[in-house]
Amino acid sequence: MLDSLRPSFDLKLKTKDSRPKTWYLLLALVLAGCGSLRESSKYAFASGLYRVRSANGRSMRAYVTVAEDSIQSFPVVRGGGRAAQVDTSRRMVLVLPETAPHGLPPTGFVQSSFDLDVLTIPFKYRPVADGFPRQLNTNFNGALYLGYRSDVYRLRYRRTPLGVHRRQVRHYGFSFGLFGGLGVTAVNPWVTNNQVAAEYDGVVFNKGVAAIVGIDAFTFGLGLGFDDLLDGNRRAWIYQRKPWLGLTLGLNLN
């Protein structure tokens, strides 16, 4: 994607206006950063500790190594202390080629971890407050999110029109945790009971809890939050520490 942007980027550098140069530099940095985050994101099925669920309903904790055409699992057992140990003598190899003449039973892998995300909240729904009607606000809001996450990888074979079964990996992620960050809100006489005559964009600290769902690379969720206006008009602002519901979109950092 960066290669396709480079001709336009070079052309802008030759102009006298420095603003296009700045915007293209920022765009290049954002695209490079997003690329590296996607490569390390949780929706990629990779080697690690999983809860393995077979087609017959049996489940076990195992260390799984992922290769191109096979998956090896090693049962995890408890040692003398609390640390888990891998039992290499009970290795199980699952042959999962890219294509197969016949379908194979589906297999599930579940991985749990702590989740660190950057969230944006594009929409906030605010209930009625002090007689002011309910609102749907679209101001900028950004936050850091920390929660506990479970990633489910479902491996199954789908039959193609040519009669060949092709392997598919479907990913679902579920997370619940806390968030906190900064946002912008409108401050005016209507939302301060006419105690503030000026109209301006105030800065708020938003905090709350969120439930997040991930389907492959797409992550979204629902947040319940509270805002604190960070200036002297906080006592007059009718939404000070009042609950709101918001849509959250996330980008995984770990």
Protein backbone atom coordinates (compact mmCIF):
# COMPACT_ATOMS: atom_id res chain seq x y z
CA MET A 1 0.00 0.00 0.00
CA LEU A 2 2.88 2.39 0.74
CA ASP A 3 4.35 1.75 -2.73
CA SER A 4 1.14 2.95 -4.34
CA LEU A 5 1.31 6.17 -2.35
CA ARG A 6 4.95 6.98 -3.14
CA PRO A 7 4.48 8.73 -6.56
CA SER A 8 1.95 11.17 -5.09
CA PHE A 9 4.18 11.64 -2.06
CA ASP A 10 7.18 12.59 -4.20
CA LEU A 11 5.10 14.99 -6.27
CA LYS A 12 3.92 16.87 -3.19
CA LEU A 13 7.47 17.33 -1.94
CA LYS A 14 8.25 19.42 -5.00
CA THR A 15 5.53 21.96 -4.33
CA LYS A 16 6.15 25.19 -2.47
CA ASP A 17 3.38 24.57 0.03
CA SER A 18 4.69 22.65 3.06
CA ARG A 19 1.28 21.52 4.26
CA PRO A 20 0.82 18.69 1.70
CA LYS A 21 4.31 17.44 2.63
CA THR A 22 3.34 17.28 6.30
CA TRP A 23 0.06 15.48 5.65
CA TYR A 24 1.70 12.86 3.42
CA LEU A 25 4.44 12.26 5.97
CA LEU A 26 1.83 11.70 8.67
CA LEU A 27 -0.13 9.39 6.39
CA ALA A 28 2.99 7.34 5.62
CA LEU A 29 3.79 6.98 9.33
CA VAL A 30 0.23 5.91 10.17
CA LEU A 31 0.16 3.31 7.40
CA ALA A 32 3.53 1.91 8.45
CA GLY A 33 2.40 1.71 12.06
CA CYS A 34 -0.88 0.02 11.20
CA GLY A 35 0.98 -2.54 9.09
CA SER A 36 3.25 -3.56 11.95
CA LEU A 37 0.29 -3.75 14.36
CA ARG A 38 -1.66 -5.99 11.98
CA GLU A 39 1.29 -8.39 11.70
CA SER A 40 1.40 -8.88 15.48
CA SER A 41 -2.34 -8.67 16.17
CA LYS A 42 -4.22 -11.34 18.09
CA TYR A 43 -6.37 -12.50 15.19
CA ALA A 44 -3.39 -14.34 13.60
CA PHE A 45 -3.40 -18.03 14.59
CA ALA A 46 0.15 -18.70 15.86
CA SER A 47 2.03 -21.01 18.22
CA GLY A 48 1.23 -20.66 21.91
CA LEU A 49 -0.80 -21.96 24.86
CA TYR A 50 -4.40 -22.88 24.02
CA ARG A 51 -7.42 -24.74 25.27
CA VAL A 52 -7.92 -27.32 22.49
CA ARG A 53 -11.46 -28.52 21.78
CA SER A 54 -11.87 -31.49 19.47
CA ALA A 55 -14.93 -32.48 17.44
CA ASN A 56 -16.00 -35.08 20.04
CA GLY A 57 -16.29 -32.39 22.72
CA ARG A 58 -13.11 -33.21 24.64
CA SER A 59 -11.02 -30.30 25.86
CA MET A 60 -7.46 -30.03 27.14
CA ARG A 61 -4.86 -27.36 27.80
CA ALA A 62 -1.91 -27.68 25.45
CA TYR A 63 1.02 -25.89 23.89
CA VAL A 64 0.34 -25.73 20.16
CA THR A 65 2.92 -25.27 17.40
CA VAL A 66 1.47 -24.11 14.08
CA ALA A 67 3.11 -25.11 10.78
CA GLU A 68 1.92 -24.64 7.20
CA ASP A 69 0.29 -28.06 6.82
CA SER A 70 0.21 -29.49 10.35
CA ILE A 71 -0.43 -28.56 13.98
CA GLN A 72 1.30 -30.23 16.90
CA SER A 73 -0.12 -30.05 20.42
CA PHE A 74 1.69 -30.95 23.65
CA PRO A 75 -0.44 -31.39 26.80
CA VAL A 76 0.30 -28.98 29.64
CA VAL A 77 0.56 -30.45 33.12
CA ARG A 78 1.13 -28.89 36.50
CA GLY A 79 4.56 -29.35 38.02
CA GLY A 80 5.51 -29.34 41.67
CA GLY A 81 4.91 -25.60 41.84
CA ARG A 82 2.39 -23.42 40.10
CA ALA A 83 4.32 -23.20 36.83
CA ALA A 84 2.84 -25.21 33.96
CA GLN A 85 5.03 -27.75 32.18
CA VAL A 86 4.75 -29.21 28.68
CA ASP A 87 4.55 -33.00 28.40
CA THR A 88 6.56 -33.70 25.23
CA SER A 89 6.02 -37.47 25.53
CA ARG A 90 2.31 -37.12 24.68
CA ARG A 91 2.65 -35.17 21.45
CA MET A 92 -0.37 -35.17 19.16
CA VAL A 93 -0.02 -34.20 15.50
CA LEU A 94 -3.02 -32.91 13.55
CA VAL A 95 -2.49 -33.06 9.79
CA LEU A 96 -4.33 -30.04 8.40
CA PRO A 97 -3.30 -29.45 4.77
CA GLU A 98 -4.47 -26.41 2.81
CA THR A 99 -6.78 -28.61 0.73
CA ALA A 100 -8.11 -32.14 1.24
CA PRO A 101 -10.21 -34.51 -0.90
CA HIS A 102 -12.54 -35.07 2.06
CA GLY A 103 -13.56 -32.75 4.86
CA LEU A 104 -12.00 -33.14 8.31
CA PRO A 105 -13.77 -32.64 11.67
CA PRO A 106 -13.61 -29.04 12.94
CA THR A 107 -11.21 -28.24 15.77
CA GLY A 108 -11.31 -25.26 18.13
CA PHE A 109 -8.48 -23.45 19.90
CA VAL A 110 -9.09 -20.94 22.71
CA GLN A 111 -6.40 -18.57 24.00
CA SER A 112 -6.82 -16.22 26.99
CA SER A 113 -4.69 -13.16 27.73
CA PHE A 114 -4.70 -9.59 28.95
CA ASP A 115 -5.67 -7.06 26.30
CA LEU A 116 -4.25 -3.57 25.71
CA ASP A 117 -6.07 -1.52 23.05
CA VAL A 118 -6.41 1.99 21.75
CA LEU A 119 -10.11 2.85 21.56
CA THR A 120 -12.01 5.54 19.74
CA ILE A 121 -15.63 6.27 20.64
CA PRO A 122 -17.32 7.72 17.54
CA PHE A 123 -20.82 7.90 19.08
CA LYS A 124 -22.06 8.66 22.59
CA TYR A 125 -25.71 8.35 23.56
CA ARG A 126 -26.60 10.61 26.51
CA PRO A 127 -29.97 10.19 28.29
CA VAL A 128 -32.15 13.11 29.35
CA ALA A 129 -30.37 15.38 31.85
CA ASP A 130 -31.89 18.34 33.70
CA GLY A 131 -34.74 18.50 31.20
CA PHE A 132 -32.38 18.65 28.22
CA PRO A 133 -33.40 16.05 25.57
CA ARG A 134 -31.34 12.93 24.94
CA GLN A 135 -28.35 13.43 22.68
CA LEU A 136 -26.23 11.48 20.20
CA ASN A 137 -22.80 13.15 20.29
CA THR A 138 -20.11 12.60 17.64
CA ASN A 139 -17.21 14.53 19.19
CA PHE A 140 -13.67 13.13 19.19
CA ASN A 141 -12.93 10.64 22.00
CA GLY A 142 -9.85 8.48 22.45
CA ALA A 143 -8.91 6.11 25.26
CA LEU A 144 -6.64 3.30 26.39
CA TYR A 145 -8.33 0.01 27.19
CA LEU A 146 -7.14 -2.79 29.50
CA GLY A 147 -9.13 -6.00 29.81
CA TYR A 148 -9.20 -9.78 29.85
CA ARG A 149 -9.60 -11.39 26.44
CA SER A 150 -10.43 -14.80 25.02
CA ASP A 151 -9.58 -15.55 21.37
CA VAL A 152 -11.31 -18.47 19.67
CA TYR A 153 -9.89 -19.99 16.47
CA ARG A 154 -12.14 -22.39 14.59
CA LEU A 155 -10.46 -24.60 11.99
CA ARG A 156 -12.78 -26.33 9.54
CA TYR A 157 -12.94 -27.42 5.92
CA ARG A 158 -15.37 -25.97 3.39
CA ARG A 159 -16.24 -27.74 0.16
CA THR A 160 -15.55 -25.68 -2.98
CA PRO A 161 -17.60 -25.94 -6.21
CA LEU A 162 -14.75 -28.11 -7.61
CA GLY A 163 -15.37 -30.73 -4.94
CA VAL A 164 -12.17 -29.96 -2.98
CA HIS A 165 -12.32 -29.12 0.71
CA ARG A 166 -10.29 -26.03 1.61
CA ARG A 167 -9.11 -25.21 5.13
CA GLN A 168 -10.55 -22.11 6.79
CA VAL A 169 -9.57 -20.44 10.05
CA ARG A 170 -12.22 -18.28 11.65
CA HIS A 171 -11.34 -16.02 14.56
CA TYR A 172 -13.57 -14.55 17.26
CA GLY A 173 -12.36 -12.46 20.17
CA PHE A 174 -14.20 -11.48 23.36
CA SER A 175 -12.90 -9.00 25.90
CA PHE A 176 -14.17 -7.12 28.94
CA GLY A 177 -12.29 -4.38 30.78
CA LEU A 178 -11.77 -0.75 31.73
CA PHE A 179 -10.91 2.31 29.64
CA GLY A 180 -9.84 5.89 30.24
CA GLY A 181 -8.88 8.78 27.99
CA LEU A 182 -9.63 12.26 26.69
CA GLY A 183 -12.42 13.67 24.56
CA VAL A 184 -14.08 16.85 23.36
CA THR A 185 -17.56 18.11 24.18
CA ALA A 186 -19.65 21.18 23.40
CA VAL A 187 -20.06 23.63 26.27
CA ASN A 188 -22.72 26.32 25.84
CA PRO A 189 -25.63 27.95 27.70
CA TRP A 190 -28.00 25.04 26.88
CA VAL A 191 -25.88 22.35 28.58
CA THR A 192 -25.00 24.55 31.58
CA ASN A 193 -28.51 25.74 32.52
CA ASN A 194 -27.59 29.22 31.19
CA GLN A 195 -24.81 29.56 33.76
CA VAL A 196 -22.14 29.88 31.04
CA ALA A 197 -22.66 32.45 28.30
CA ALA A 198 -19.75 31.35 26.09
CA GLU A 199 -19.83 28.55 23.52
CA TYR A 200 -16.67 26.46 23.18
CA ASP A 201 -15.32 22.90 22.92
CA GLY A 202 -14.37 21.63 26.36
CA VAL A 203 -11.95 18.82 27.14
CA VAL A 204 -13.30 15.87 29.14
CA PHE A 205 -11.73 12.88 30.82
CA ASN A 206 -13.82 9.82 29.93
CA LYS A 207 -13.68 6.56 31.85
CA GLY A 208 -15.78 3.43 32.15
CA VAL A 209 -16.17 -0.24 31.24
CA ALA A 210 -16.41 -1.81 27.80
CA ALA A 211 -17.26 -5.17 26.24
CA ILE A 212 -15.44 -5.79 22.96
CA VAL A 213 -16.02 -8.36 20.22
CA GLY A 214 -13.52 -9.13 17.46
CA ILE A 215 -14.28 -10.95 14.19
CA ASP A 216 -11.01 -11.55 12.36
CA ALA A 217 -9.44 -8.08 12.00
CA PHE A 218 -12.59 -6.09 12.81
CA THR A 219 -13.02 -5.02 16.45
CA PHE A 220 -16.00 -3.21 17.93
CA GLY A 221 -17.82 -3.01 21.23
CA LEU A 222 -20.13 -1.19 23.61
CA GLY A 223 -18.95 1.11 26.38
CA LEU A 224 -20.63 2.47 29.51
CA GLY A 225 -18.82 5.60 30.59
CA PHE A 226 -18.77 8.82 32.57
CA ASP A 227 -17.25 12.19 31.66
CA ASP A 228 -15.49 14.80 33.79
CA LEU A 229 -15.21 18.28 32.29
CA LEU A 230 -11.65 19.50 32.91
CA ASP A 231 -12.24 23.22 33.40
CA GLY A 232 -13.91 25.61 35.81
CA ASN A 233 -17.39 25.07 34.37
CA ARG A 234 -17.60 21.47 35.48
CA ARG A 235 -20.17 22.21 38.21
CA ALA A 236 -22.53 23.88 35.73
CA TRP A 237 -22.20 21.21 33.00
CA ILE A 238 -25.32 19.02 33.13
CA TYR A 239 -23.47 15.86 31.96
CA GLN A 240 -20.77 15.96 34.64
CA ARG A 241 -20.28 12.32 35.74
CA LYS A 242 -23.57 11.29 34.15
CA PRO A 243 -23.62 7.86 32.41
CA TRP A 244 -23.58 7.44 28.64
CA LEU A 245 -23.50 4.53 26.19
CA GLY A 246 -21.10 4.53 23.29
CA LEU A 247 -19.90 2.52 20.31
CA THR A 248 -16.20 1.63 20.59
CA LEU A 249 -13.76 0.78 17.82
CA GLY A 250 -10.37 -0.62 18.81
CA LEU A 251 -6.83 -1.21 17.59
CA ASN A 252 -4.88 -3.91 19.44
CA LEU A 253 -1.44 -2.93 20.81
CA ASN A 254 -0.17 -6.23 22.29
